[in-house]
Amino acid sequence: MEASKILDWTFTKECDIPSDIESLLISGETAISAYKTIRDSAIFTNKRLIVRDSQGITGKKTEIYSLPYSNINMWSSENAGTFDLNAEIELWTRAGHIKIKLLKGIDVRKFDKLIAECIL
């Protein structure tokens, strides 16, 4: 299956870094920022982007995506226009194309800078 068909995330707002994320981090890895998704959260660390996707009726089943920054070849950012409801970030990776929609209220330029600081 092509990654671009699988990886299409919506971030709804910036949030506190979840306390339970520590169990996913490796030695020397620290959480930098977090965003609420439709059903869970996305966490930027100094090494990767972790997206947790709660599934099922109860949300107890969780799929975790881990995208090392070294796999990102290029990205683009598009701010919301007059009639757009959301901004958009696109990532081109070795695994494929990923779209991240940022709902109104998320500063796309701050988000763009966060990605730049992690990747460059």
PDB file of N, CA and C in Angstrom:
ATOM      1  N   MET A   1       0.840  -1.177   0.000  1.00  0.00           N
ATOM      2  CA  MET A   1       0.000   0.000   0.000  1.00  0.00           C
ATOM      3  C   MET A   1       0.888   1.244   0.000  1.00  0.00           C
ATOM      4  N   GLU A   2       0.532   2.254  -0.709  1.00  0.00           N
ATOM      5  CA  GLU A   2       1.299   3.488  -0.808  1.00  0.00           C
ATOM      6  C   GLU A   2       1.116   4.328   0.452  1.00  0.00           C
ATOM      7  N   ALA A   3       2.227   4.873   0.984  1.00  0.00           N
ATOM      8  CA  ALA A   3       2.175   5.627   2.246  1.00  0.00           C
ATOM      9  C   ALA A   3       1.253   6.830   2.160  1.00  0.00           C
ATOM     10  N   SER A   4       1.178   7.489   1.016  1.00  0.00           N
ATOM     11  CA  SER A   4       0.352   8.696   0.927  1.00  0.00           C
ATOM     12  C   SER A   4      -1.121   8.387   1.151  1.00  0.00           C
ATOM     13  N   LYS A   5      -1.543   7.165   0.925  1.00  0.00           N
ATOM     14  CA  LYS A   5      -2.924   6.793   1.164  1.00  0.00           C
ATOM     15  C   LYS A   5      -3.166   6.495   2.654  1.00  0.00           C
ATOM     16  N   ILE A   6      -2.108   6.188   3.380  1.00  0.00           N
ATOM     17  CA  ILE A   6      -2.240   5.837   4.785  1.00  0.00           C
ATOM     18  C   ILE A   6      -2.041   7.060   5.685  1.00  0.00           C
ATOM     19  N   LEU A   7      -1.064   7.867   5.393  1.00  0.00           N
ATOM     20  CA  LEU A   7      -0.634   8.906   6.308  1.00  0.00           C
ATOM     21  C   LEU A   7      -1.193  10.277   5.944  1.00  0.00           C
ATOM     22  N   ASP A   8      -2.319  10.564   6.510  1.00  0.00           N
ATOM     23  CA  ASP A   8      -2.986  11.846   6.336  1.00  0.00           C
ATOM     24  C   ASP A   8      -3.522  12.208   7.713  1.00  0.00           C
ATOM     25  N   TRP A   9      -2.792  13.091   8.426  1.00  0.00           N
ATOM     26  CA  TRP A   9      -3.127  13.389   9.805  1.00  0.00           C
ATOM     27  C   TRP A   9      -3.702  14.784   9.938  1.00  0.00           C
ATOM     28  N   THR A  10      -4.526  14.983  10.956  1.00  0.00           N
ATOM     29  CA  THR A  10      -5.063  16.295  11.288  1.00  0.00           C
ATOM     30  C   THR A  10      -4.659  16.624  12.712  1.00  0.00           C
ATOM     31  N   PHE A  11      -3.960  17.752  12.881  1.00  0.00           N
ATOM     32  CA  PHE A  11      -3.584  18.232  14.207  1.00  0.00           C
ATOM     33  C   PHE A  11      -4.566  19.343  14.567  1.00  0.00           C
ATOM     34  N   THR A  12      -5.208  19.221  15.726  1.00  0.00           N
ATOM     35  CA  THR A  12      -6.276  20.147  16.081  1.00  0.00           C
ATOM     36  C   THR A  12      -5.812  21.326  16.928  1.00  0.00           C
ATOM     37  N   LYS A  13      -4.813  21.116  17.795  1.00  0.00           N
ATOM     38  CA  LYS A  13      -4.282  22.208  18.611  1.00  0.00           C
ATOM     39  C   LYS A  13      -3.003  21.756  19.301  1.00  0.00           C
ATOM     40  N   GLU A  14      -2.201  22.734  19.708  1.00  0.00           N
ATOM     41  CA  GLU A  14      -1.002  22.428  20.482  1.00  0.00           C
ATOM     42  C   GLU A  14      -1.454  22.023  21.878  1.00  0.00           C
ATOM     43  N   CYS A  15      -0.746  21.087  22.491  1.00  0.00           N
ATOM     44  CA  CYS A  15      -1.136  20.605  23.818  1.00  0.00           C
ATOM     45  C   CYS A  15       0.105  20.307  24.648  1.00  0.00           C
ATOM     46  N   ASP A  16      -0.121  19.978  25.907  1.00  0.00           N
ATOM     47  CA  ASP A  16       0.980  19.570  26.772  1.00  0.00           C
ATOM     48  C   ASP A  16       1.520  18.227  26.294  1.00  0.00           C
ATOM     49  N   ILE A  17       2.796  18.001  26.539  1.00  0.00           N
ATOM     50  CA  ILE A  17       3.407  16.719  26.179  1.00  0.00           C
ATOM     51  C   ILE A  17       2.853  15.650  27.121  1.00  0.00           C
ATOM     52  N   PRO A  18       2.265  14.576  26.560  1.00  0.00           N
ATOM     53  CA  PRO A  18       1.693  13.517  27.410  1.00  0.00           C
ATOM     54  C   PRO A  18       2.765  12.891  28.308  1.00  0.00           C
ATOM     55  N   SER A  19       2.436  12.668  29.550  1.00  0.00           N
ATOM     56  CA  SER A  19       3.406  12.118  30.506  1.00  0.00           C
ATOM     57  C   SER A  19       3.806  10.680  30.181  1.00  0.00           C
ATOM     58  N   ASP A  20       2.926   9.946  29.519  1.00  0.00           N
ATOM     59  CA  ASP A  20       3.227   8.539  29.229  1.00  0.00           C
ATOM     60  C   ASP A  20       4.136   8.359  28.007  1.00  0.00           C
ATOM     61  N   ILE A  21       4.546   9.435  27.369  1.00  0.00           N
ATOM     62  CA  ILE A  21       5.388   9.327  26.172  1.00  0.00           C
ATOM     63  C   ILE A  21       6.807   8.867  26.537  1.00  0.00           C
ATOM     64  N   GLU A  22       7.209   9.096  27.770  1.00  0.00           N
ATOM     65  CA  GLU A  22       8.561   8.731  28.205  1.00  0.00           C
ATOM     66  C   GLU A  22       8.883   7.267  27.923  1.00  0.00           C
ATOM     67  N   SER A  23       7.885   6.390  27.997  1.00  0.00           N
ATOM     68  CA  SER A  23       8.133   4.964  27.778  1.00  0.00           C
ATOM     69  C   SER A  23       8.511   4.649  26.328  1.00  0.00           C
ATOM     70  N   LEU A  24       8.243   5.570  25.401  1.00  0.00           N
ATOM     71  CA  LEU A  24       8.579   5.360  23.990  1.00  0.00           C
ATOM     72  C   LEU A  24       9.932   5.947  23.598  1.00  0.00           C
ATOM     73  N   LEU A  25      10.492   6.785  24.454  1.00  0.00           N
ATOM     74  CA  LEU A  25      11.717   7.493  24.107  1.00  0.00           C
ATOM     75  C   LEU A  25      12.957   6.657  24.379  1.00  0.00           C
ATOM     76  N   ILE A  26      13.956   6.835  23.505  1.00  0.00           N
ATOM     77  CA  ILE A  26      15.221   6.130  23.687  1.00  0.00           C
ATOM     78  C   ILE A  26      16.196   7.027  24.463  1.00  0.00           C
ATOM     79  N   SER A  27      17.322   6.473  24.825  1.00  0.00           N
ATOM     80  CA  SER A  27      18.340   7.215  25.549  1.00  0.00           C
ATOM     81  C   SER A  27      18.780   8.436  24.730  1.00  0.00           C
ATOM     82  N   GLY A  28      18.779   9.602  25.340  1.00  0.00           N
ATOM     83  CA  GLY A  28      19.181  10.829  24.659  1.00  0.00           C
ATOM     84  C   GLY A  28      18.061  11.511  23.892  1.00  0.00           C
ATOM     85  N   GLU A  29      16.885  10.916  23.868  1.00  0.00           N
ATOM     86  CA  GLU A  29      15.750  11.506  23.147  1.00  0.00           C
ATOM     87  C   GLU A  29      14.875  12.282  24.131  1.00  0.00           C
ATOM     88  N   THR A  30      14.472  13.478  23.736  1.00  0.00           N
ATOM     89  CA  THR A  30      13.602  14.295  24.580  1.00  0.00           C
ATOM     90  C   THR A  30      12.424  14.826  23.766  1.00  0.00           C
ATOM     91  N   ALA A  31      11.282  14.912  24.403  1.00  0.00           N
ATOM     92  CA  ALA A  31      10.088  15.458  23.760  1.00  0.00           C
ATOM     93  C   ALA A  31      10.206  16.980  23.727  1.00  0.00           C
ATOM     94  N   ILE A  32       9.848  17.572  22.583  1.00  0.00           N
ATOM     95  CA  ILE A  32       9.963  19.019  22.386  1.00  0.00           C
ATOM     96  C   ILE A  32       8.599  19.695  22.409  1.00  0.00           C
ATOM     97  N   SER A  33       7.637  19.113  21.689  1.00  0.00           N
ATOM     98  CA  SER A  33       6.332  19.741  21.504  1.00  0.00           C
ATOM     99  C   SER A  33       5.300  18.666  21.203  1.00  0.00           C
ATOM    100  N   ALA A  34       4.027  18.975  21.466  1.00  0.00           N
ATOM    101  CA  ALA A  34       2.964  17.998  21.200  1.00  0.00           C
ATOM    102  C   ALA A  34       1.736  18.701  20.628  1.00  0.00           C
ATOM    103  N   TYR A  35       1.000  17.950  19.828  1.00  0.00           N
ATOM    104  CA  TYR A  35      -0.232  18.437  19.212  1.00  0.00           C
ATOM    105  C   TYR A  35      -1.322  17.403  19.388  1.00  0.00           C
ATOM    106  N   LYS A  36      -2.514  17.861  19.654  1.00  0.00           N
ATOM    107  CA  LYS A  36      -3.684  16.991  19.750  1.00  0.00           C
ATOM    108  C   LYS A  36      -4.094  16.598  18.346  1.00  0.00           C
ATOM    109  N   THR A  37      -4.397  15.326  18.155  1.00  0.00           N
ATOM    110  CA  THR A  37      -4.936  14.847  16.890  1.00  0.00           C
ATOM    111  C   THR A  37      -6.423  14.566  17.116  1.00  0.00           C
ATOM    112  N   ILE A  38      -7.091  14.028  16.134  1.00  0.00           N
ATOM    113  CA  ILE A  38      -8.517  13.749  16.278  1.00  0.00           C
ATOM    114  C   ILE A  38      -8.786  12.851  17.484  1.00  0.00           C
ATOM    115  N   ARG A  39      -7.994  11.769  17.638  1.00  0.00           N
ATOM    116  CA  ARG A  39      -8.255  10.839  18.743  1.00  0.00           C
ATOM    117  C   ARG A  39      -7.090  10.641  19.699  1.00  0.00           C
ATOM    118  N   ASP A  40      -5.944  11.276  19.444  1.00  0.00           N
ATOM    119  CA  ASP A  40      -4.806  11.050  20.325  1.00  0.00           C
ATOM    120  C   ASP A  40      -3.846  12.220  20.244  1.00  0.00           C
ATOM    121  N   SER A  41      -2.546  11.959  19.993  1.00  0.00           N
ATOM    122  CA  SER A  41      -1.574  13.049  19.977  1.00  0.00           C
ATOM    123  C   SER A  41      -0.393  12.746  19.064  1.00  0.00           C
ATOM    124  N   ALA A  42       0.301  13.823  18.690  1.00  0.00           N
ATOM    125  CA  ALA A  42       1.536  13.736  17.915  1.00  0.00           C
ATOM    126  C   ALA A  42       2.612  14.453  18.722  1.00  0.00           C
ATOM    127  N   ILE A  43       3.758  13.823  18.853  1.00  0.00           N
ATOM    128  CA  ILE A  43       4.819  14.374  19.676  1.00  0.00           C
ATOM    129  C   ILE A  43       6.079  14.540  18.843  1.00  0.00           C
ATOM    130  N   PHE A  44       6.632  15.744  18.857  1.00  0.00           N
ATOM    131  CA  PHE A  44       7.918  15.999  18.223  1.00  0.00           C
ATOM    132  C   PHE A  44       8.989  15.801  19.282  1.00  0.00           C
ATOM    133  N   THR A  45       9.982  14.986  18.972  1.00  0.00           N
ATOM    134  CA  THR A  45      11.134  14.834  19.856  1.00  0.00           C
ATOM    135  C   THR A  45      12.338  15.425  19.133  1.00  0.00           C
ATOM    136  N   ASN A  46      13.494  15.346  19.743  1.00  0.00           N
ATOM    137  CA  ASN A  46      14.694  15.829  19.083  1.00  0.00           C
ATOM    138  C   ASN A  46      15.192  14.856  18.009  1.00  0.00           C
ATOM    139  N   LYS A  47      14.539  13.684  17.853  1.00  0.00           N
ATOM    140  CA  LYS A  47      14.972  12.682  16.883  1.00  0.00           C
ATOM    141  C   LYS A  47      13.905  12.264  15.866  1.00  0.00           C
ATOM    142  N   ARG A  48      12.611  12.414  16.222  1.00  0.00           N
ATOM    143  CA  ARG A  48      11.546  11.893  15.354  1.00  0.00           C
ATOM    144  C   ARG A  48      10.202  12.514  15.681  1.00  0.00           C
ATOM    145  N   LEU A  49       9.241  12.234  14.814  1.00  0.00           N
ATOM    146  CA  LEU A  49       7.850  12.581  15.045  1.00  0.00           C
ATOM    147  C   LEU A  49       7.126  11.288  15.397  1.00  0.00           C
ATOM    148  N   ILE A  50       6.436  11.287  16.523  1.00  0.00           N
ATOM    149  CA  ILE A  50       5.665  10.126  16.964  1.00  0.00           C
ATOM    150  C   ILE A  50       4.192  10.517  16.892  1.00  0.00           C
ATOM    151  N   VAL A  51       3.405   9.742  16.148  1.00  0.00           N
ATOM    152  CA  VAL A  51       1.963   9.988  16.079  1.00  0.00           C
ATOM    153  C   VAL A  51       1.256   8.767  16.641  1.00  0.00           C
ATOM    154  N   ARG A  52       0.458   8.996  17.673  1.00  0.00           N
ATOM    155  CA  ARG A  52      -0.322   7.917  18.276  1.00  0.00           C
ATOM    156  C   ARG A  52      -1.744   8.024  17.762  1.00  0.00           C
ATOM    157  N   ASP A  53      -2.279   6.902  17.319  1.00  0.00           N
ATOM    158  CA  ASP A  53      -3.621   6.872  16.744  1.00  0.00           C
ATOM    159  C   ASP A  53      -4.456   5.848  17.493  1.00  0.00           C
ATOM    160  N   SER A  54      -5.323   6.325  18.392  1.00  0.00           N
ATOM    161  CA  SER A  54      -6.224   5.431  19.118  1.00  0.00           C
ATOM    162  C   SER A  54      -7.263   4.908  18.142  1.00  0.00           C
ATOM    163  N   GLN A  55      -7.583   3.627  18.272  1.00  0.00           N
ATOM    164  CA  GLN A  55      -8.510   2.999  17.344  1.00  0.00           C
ATOM    165  C   GLN A  55      -9.600   2.253  18.094  1.00  0.00           C
ATOM    166  N   GLY A  56     -10.615   1.869  17.371  1.00  0.00           N
ATOM    167  CA  GLY A  56     -11.713   1.102  17.950  1.00  0.00           C
ATOM    168  C   GLY A  56     -12.682   1.990  18.709  1.00  0.00           C
ATOM    169  N   ILE A  57     -13.743   1.390  19.170  1.00  0.00           N
ATOM    170  CA  ILE A  57     -14.799   2.116  19.873  1.00  0.00           C
ATOM    171  C   ILE A  57     -14.294   2.704  21.184  1.00  0.00           C
ATOM    172  N   THR A  58     -13.511   1.932  21.933  1.00  0.00           N
ATOM    173  CA  THR A  58     -13.043   2.386  23.239  1.00  0.00           C
ATOM    174  C   THR A  58     -11.756   3.198  23.147  1.00  0.00           C
ATOM    175  N   GLY A  59     -11.033   3.072  22.043  1.00  0.00           N
ATOM    176  CA  GLY A  59      -9.777   3.793  21.888  1.00  0.00           C
ATOM    177  C   GLY A  59      -8.621   3.163  22.640  1.00  0.00           C
ATOM    178  N   LYS A  60      -8.812   1.938  23.149  1.00  0.00           N
ATOM    179  CA  LYS A  60      -7.752   1.268  23.900  1.00  0.00           C
ATOM    180  C   LYS A  60      -6.680   0.685  22.986  1.00  0.00           C
ATOM    181  N   LYS A  61      -7.047   0.398  21.750  1.00  0.00           N
ATOM    182  CA  LYS A  61      -6.078  -0.093  20.772  1.00  0.00           C
ATOM    183  C   LYS A  61      -5.393   1.137  20.172  1.00  0.00           C
ATOM    184  N   THR A  62      -4.059   1.135  20.175  1.00  0.00           N
ATOM    185  CA  THR A  62      -3.321   2.290  19.690  1.00  0.00           C
ATOM    186  C   THR A  62      -2.264   1.866  18.681  1.00  0.00           C
ATOM    187  N   GLU A  63      -2.259   2.539  17.547  1.00  0.00           N
ATOM    188  CA  GLU A  63      -1.212   2.351  16.553  1.00  0.00           C
ATOM    189  C   GLU A  63      -0.255   3.527  16.691  1.00  0.00           C
ATOM    190  N   ILE A  64       1.048   3.243  16.665  1.00  0.00           N
ATOM    191  CA  ILE A  64       2.049   4.290  16.825  1.00  0.00           C
ATOM    192  C   ILE A  64       2.895   4.369  15.566  1.00  0.00           C
ATOM    193  N   TYR A  65       2.951   5.580  14.998  1.00  0.00           N
ATOM    194  CA  TYR A  65       3.801   5.854  13.841  1.00  0.00           C
ATOM    195  C   TYR A  65       5.036   6.575  14.347  1.00  0.00           C
ATOM    196  N   SER A  66       6.194   6.182  13.863  1.00  0.00           N
ATOM    197  CA  SER A  66       7.444   6.817  14.248  1.00  0.00           C
ATOM    198  C   SER A  66       8.186   7.217  12.979  1.00  0.00           C
ATOM    199  N   LEU A  67       8.377   8.518  12.793  1.00  0.00           N
ATOM    200  CA  LEU A  67       9.024   9.033  11.592  1.00  0.00           C
ATOM    201  C   LEU A  67      10.330   9.715  11.984  1.00  0.00           C
ATOM    202  N   PRO A  68      11.468   9.024  11.801  1.00  0.00           N
ATOM    203  CA  PRO A  68      12.760   9.666  12.077  1.00  0.00           C
ATOM    204  C   PRO A  68      12.973  10.835  11.113  1.00  0.00           C
ATOM    205  N   TYR A  69      13.463  11.944  11.639  1.00  0.00           N
ATOM    206  CA  TYR A  69      13.677  13.121  10.794  1.00  0.00           C
ATOM    207  C   TYR A  69      14.644  12.840   9.655  1.00  0.00           C
ATOM    208  N   SER A  70      15.545  11.898   9.839  1.00  0.00           N
ATOM    209  CA  SER A  70      16.514  11.570   8.789  1.00  0.00           C
ATOM    210  C   SER A  70      15.839  10.999   7.542  1.00  0.00           C
ATOM    211  N   ASN A  71      14.586  10.545   7.663  1.00  0.00           N
ATOM    212  CA  ASN A  71      13.847  10.004   6.517  1.00  0.00           C
ATOM    213  C   ASN A  71      13.080  11.056   5.738  1.00  0.00           C
ATOM    214  N   ILE A  72      13.056  12.294   6.234  1.00  0.00           N
ATOM    215  CA  ILE A  72      12.332  13.359   5.538  1.00  0.00           C
ATOM    216  C   ILE A  72      13.268  14.023   4.537  1.00  0.00           C
ATOM    217  N   ASN A  73      12.891  13.965   3.258  1.00  0.00           N
ATOM    218  CA  ASN A  73      13.707  14.527   2.185  1.00  0.00           C
ATOM    219  C   ASN A  73      13.380  15.991   1.920  1.00  0.00           C
ATOM    220  N   MET A  74      12.101  16.364   2.070  1.00  0.00           N
ATOM    221  CA  MET A  74      11.649  17.711   1.754  1.00  0.00           C
ATOM    222  C   MET A  74      10.313  17.938   2.454  1.00  0.00           C
ATOM    223  N   TRP A  75       9.974  19.209   2.704  1.00  0.00           N
ATOM    224  CA  TRP A  75       8.658  19.531   3.242  1.00  0.00           C
ATOM    225  C   TRP A  75       8.189  20.857   2.685  1.00  0.00           C
ATOM    226  N   SER A  76       6.885  21.053   2.750  1.00  0.00           N
ATOM    227  CA  SER A  76       6.303  22.333   2.343  1.00  0.00           C
ATOM    228  C   SER A  76       5.257  22.723   3.373  1.00  0.00           C
ATOM    229  N   SER A  77       5.010  24.032   3.473  1.00  0.00           N
ATOM    230  CA  SER A  77       3.966  24.516   4.369  1.00  0.00           C
ATOM    231  C   SER A  77       3.108  25.504   3.606  1.00  0.00           C
ATOM    232  N   GLU A  78       1.816  25.469   3.905  1.00  0.00           N
ATOM    233  CA  GLU A  78       0.861  26.353   3.239  1.00  0.00           C
ATOM    234  C   GLU A  78      -0.055  26.923   4.312  1.00  0.00           C
ATOM    235  N   ASN A  79      -0.059  28.243   4.422  1.00  0.00           N
ATOM    236  CA  ASN A  79      -0.933  28.854   5.418  1.00  0.00           C
ATOM    237  C   ASN A  79      -2.372  28.848   4.918  1.00  0.00           C
ATOM    238  N   ALA A  80      -3.308  28.992   5.851  1.00  0.00           N
ATOM    239  CA  ALA A  80      -4.722  29.050   5.485  1.00  0.00           C
ATOM    240  C   ALA A  80      -4.996  30.390   4.827  1.00  0.00           C
ATOM    241  N   GLY A  81      -5.781  30.370   3.764  1.00  0.00           N
ATOM    242  CA  GLY A  81      -6.159  31.600   3.080  1.00  0.00           C
ATOM    243  C   GLY A  81      -7.448  32.156   3.659  1.00  0.00           C
ATOM    244  N   THR A  82      -8.032  33.089   2.977  1.00  0.00           N
ATOM    245  CA  THR A  82      -9.254  33.742   3.437  1.00  0.00           C
ATOM    246  C   THR A  82     -10.391  32.746   3.640  1.00  0.00           C
ATOM    247  N   PHE A  83     -10.545  31.811   2.712  1.00  0.00           N
ATOM    248  CA  PHE A  83     -11.671  30.873   2.789  1.00  0.00           C
ATOM    249  C   PHE A  83     -11.266  29.475   3.265  1.00  0.00           C
ATOM    250  N   ASP A  84      -9.964  29.254   3.497  1.00  0.00           N
ATOM    251  CA  ASP A  84      -9.492  27.958   3.978  1.00  0.00           C
ATOM    252  C   ASP A  84      -9.698  27.855   5.478  1.00  0.00           C
ATOM    253  N   LEU A  85     -10.041  26.669   5.930  1.00  0.00           N
ATOM    254  CA  LEU A  85     -10.213  26.452   7.357  1.00  0.00           C
ATOM    255  C   LEU A  85      -8.926  26.004   8.028  1.00  0.00           C
ATOM    256  N   ASN A  86      -8.005  25.466   7.241  1.00  0.00           N
ATOM    257  CA  ASN A  86      -6.797  24.929   7.852  1.00  0.00           C
ATOM    258  C   ASN A  86      -5.565  25.175   6.987  1.00  0.00           C
ATOM    259  N   ALA A  87      -4.421  25.122   7.654  1.00  0.00           N
ATOM    260  CA  ALA A  87      -3.132  25.178   6.977  1.00  0.00           C
ATOM    261  C   ALA A  87      -2.712  23.737   6.703  1.00  0.00           C
ATOM    262  N   GLU A  88      -1.658  23.591   5.927  1.00  0.00           N
ATOM    263  CA  GLU A  88      -1.242  22.237   5.566  1.00  0.00           C
ATOM    264  C   GLU A  88       0.270  22.135   5.498  1.00  0.00           C
ATOM    265  N   ILE A  89       0.773  21.038   6.001  1.00  0.00           N
ATOM    266  CA  ILE A  89       2.193  20.691   5.916  1.00  0.00           C
ATOM    267  C   ILE A  89       2.269  19.406   5.113  1.00  0.00           C
ATOM    268  N   GLU A  90       3.212  19.339   4.192  1.00  0.00           N
ATOM    269  CA  GLU A  90       3.431  18.102   3.440  1.00  0.00           C
ATOM    270  C   GLU A  90       4.872  17.678   3.629  1.00  0.00           C
ATOM    271  N   LEU A  91       5.049  16.394   3.868  1.00  0.00           N
ATOM    272  CA  LEU A  91       6.372  15.813   4.049  1.00  0.00           C
ATOM    273  C   LEU A  91       6.613  14.779   2.963  1.00  0.00           C
ATOM    274  N   TRP A  92       7.764  14.849   2.330  1.00  0.00           N
ATOM    275  CA  TRP A  92       8.159  13.828   1.373  1.00  0.00           C
ATOM    276  C   TRP A  92       9.243  13.016   2.052  1.00  0.00           C
ATOM    277  N   THR A  93       8.984  11.721   2.213  1.00  0.00           N
ATOM    278  CA  THR A  93       9.892  10.848   2.948  1.00  0.00           C
ATOM    279  C   THR A  93      10.274   9.648   2.084  1.00  0.00           C
ATOM    280  N   ARG A  94      11.187   8.858   2.597  1.00  0.00           N
ATOM    281  CA  ARG A  94      11.553   7.614   1.917  1.00  0.00           C
ATOM    282  C   ARG A  94      10.366   6.657   1.853  1.00  0.00           C
ATOM    283  N   ALA A  95       9.443   6.792   2.817  1.00  0.00           N
ATOM    284  CA  ALA A  95       8.270   5.916   2.863  1.00  0.00           C
ATOM    285  C   ALA A  95       7.135   6.417   1.982  1.00  0.00           C
ATOM    286  N   GLY A  96       7.195   7.662   1.550  1.00  0.00           N
ATOM    287  CA  GLY A  96       6.125   8.218   0.730  1.00  0.00           C
ATOM    288  C   GLY A  96       5.769   9.627   1.144  1.00  0.00           C
ATOM    289  N   HIS A  97       4.618  10.059   0.730  1.00  0.00           N
ATOM    290  CA  HIS A  97       4.131  11.427   0.926  1.00  0.00           C
ATOM    291  C   HIS A  97       3.174  11.464   2.105  1.00  0.00           C
ATOM    292  N   ILE A  98       3.366  12.415   3.024  1.00  0.00           N
ATOM    293  CA  ILE A  98       2.539  12.538   4.217  1.00  0.00           C
ATOM    294  C   ILE A  98       1.941  13.938   4.249  1.00  0.00           C
ATOM    295  N   LYS A  99       0.633  14.033   4.503  1.00  0.00           N
ATOM    296  CA  LYS A  99      -0.044  15.327   4.641  1.00  0.00           C
ATOM    297  C   LYS A  99      -0.476  15.514   6.085  1.00  0.00           C
ATOM    298  N   ILE A 100      -0.204  16.707   6.610  1.00  0.00           N
ATOM    299  CA  ILE A 100      -0.649  17.053   7.952  1.00  0.00           C
ATOM    300  C   ILE A 100      -1.489  18.315   7.837  1.00  0.00           C
ATOM    301  N   LYS A 101      -2.746  18.222   8.235  1.00  0.00           N
ATOM    302  CA  LYS A 101      -3.631  19.383   8.238  1.00  0.00           C
ATOM    303  C   LYS A 101      -3.563  20.026   9.614  1.00  0.00           C
ATOM    304  N   LEU A 102      -3.400  21.332   9.645  1.00  0.00           N
ATOM    305  CA  LEU A 102      -3.356  22.086  10.893  1.00  0.00           C
ATOM    306  C   LEU A 102      -4.620  22.915  10.990  1.00  0.00           C
ATOM    307  N   LEU A 103      -5.461  22.615  11.965  1.00  0.00           N
ATOM    308  CA  LEU A 103      -6.712  23.350  12.108  1.00  0.00           C
ATOM    309  C   LEU A 103      -6.463  24.777  12.552  1.00  0.00           C
ATOM    310  N   LYS A 104      -7.453  25.605  12.357  1.00  0.00           N
ATOM    311  CA  LYS A 104      -7.376  27.019  12.705  1.00  0.00           C
ATOM    312  C   LYS A 104      -6.914  27.167  14.149  1.00  0.00           C
ATOM    313  N   GLY A 105      -6.006  28.082  14.359  1.00  0.00           N
ATOM    314  CA  GLY A 105      -5.481  28.304  15.700  1.00  0.00           C
ATOM    315  C   GLY A 105      -4.066  27.808  15.876  1.00  0.00           C
ATOM    316  N   ILE A 106      -3.614  26.888  15.012  1.00  0.00           N
ATOM    317  CA  ILE A 106      -2.228  26.426  15.057  1.00  0.00           C
ATOM    318  C   ILE A 106      -1.418  27.335  14.146  1.00  0.00           C
ATOM    319  N   ASP A 107      -0.365  27.904  14.689  1.00  0.00           N
ATOM    320  CA  ASP A 107       0.502  28.807  13.941  1.00  0.00           C
ATOM    321  C   ASP A 107       1.366  27.989  12.982  1.00  0.00           C
ATOM    322  N   VAL A 108       1.045  28.034  11.691  1.00  0.00           N
ATOM    323  CA  VAL A 108       1.747  27.220  10.703  1.00  0.00           C
ATOM    324  C   VAL A 108       3.223  27.611  10.599  1.00  0.00           C
ATOM    325  N   ARG A 109       3.552  28.876  10.770  1.00  0.00           N
ATOM    326  CA  ARG A 109       4.955  29.294  10.682  1.00  0.00           C
ATOM    327  C   ARG A 109       5.756  28.795  11.881  1.00  0.00           C
ATOM    328  N   LYS A 110       5.150  28.773  13.063  1.00  0.00           N
ATOM    329  CA  LYS A 110       5.802  28.196  14.245  1.00  0.00           C
ATOM    330  C   LYS A 110       6.023  26.695  14.019  1.00  0.00           C
ATOM    331  N   PHE A 111       5.016  26.042  13.457  1.00  0.00           N
ATOM    332  CA  PHE A 111       5.092  24.615  13.152  1.00  0.00           C
ATOM    333  C   PHE A 111       6.186  24.350  12.119  1.00  0.00           C
ATOM    334  N   ASP A 112       6.241  25.181  11.080  1.00  0.00           N
ATOM    335  CA  ASP A 112       7.252  25.079  10.027  1.00  0.00           C
ATOM    336  C   ASP A 112       8.654  25.232  10.622  1.00  0.00           C
ATOM    337  N   LYS A 113       8.827  26.181  11.533  1.00  0.00           N
ATOM    338  CA  LYS A 113      10.122  26.391  12.187  1.00  0.00           C
ATOM    339  C   LYS A 113      10.501  25.191  13.046  1.00  0.00           C
ATOM    340  N   LEU A 114       9.513  24.598  13.726  1.00  0.00           N
ATOM    341  CA  LEU A 114       9.762  23.401  14.531  1.00  0.00           C
ATOM    342  C   LEU A 114      10.303  22.279  13.663  1.00  0.00           C
ATOM    343  N   ILE A 115       9.690  22.066  12.513  1.00  0.00           N
ATOM    344  CA  ILE A 115      10.170  21.026  11.597  1.00  0.00           C
ATOM    345  C   ILE A 115      11.588  21.356  11.127  1.00  0.00           C
ATOM    346  N   ALA A 116      11.827  22.607  10.750  1.00  0.00           N
ATOM    347  CA  ALA A 116      13.151  23.012  10.279  1.00  0.00           C
ATOM    348  C   ALA A 116      14.214  22.773  11.350  1.00  0.00           C
ATOM    349  N   GLU A 117      13.911  23.131  12.592  1.00  0.00           N
ATOM    350  CA  GLU A 117      14.881  22.945  13.673  1.00  0.00           C
ATOM    351  C   GLU A 117      15.170  21.467  13.919  1.00  0.00           C
ATOM    352  N   CYS A 118      14.194  20.621  13.721  1.00  0.00           N
ATOM    353  CA  CYS A 118      14.391  19.186  13.927  1.00  0.00           C
ATOM    354  C   CYS A 118      15.146  18.531  12.770  1.00  0.00           C
ATOM    355  N   ILE A 119      14.898  18.985  11.555  1.00  0.00           N
ATOM    356  CA  ILE A 119      15.470  18.327  10.385  1.00  0.00           C
ATOM    357  C   ILE A 119      16.837  18.870   9.984  1.00  0.00           C
ATOM    358  N   LEU A 120      16.999  20.183  10.060  1.00  0.00           N
ATOM    359  CA  LEU A 120      18.247  20.789   9.554  1.00  0.00           C
ATOM    360  C   LEU A 120      19.365  20.777  10.570  1.00  0.00           C
TER     361      LEU A 120
END
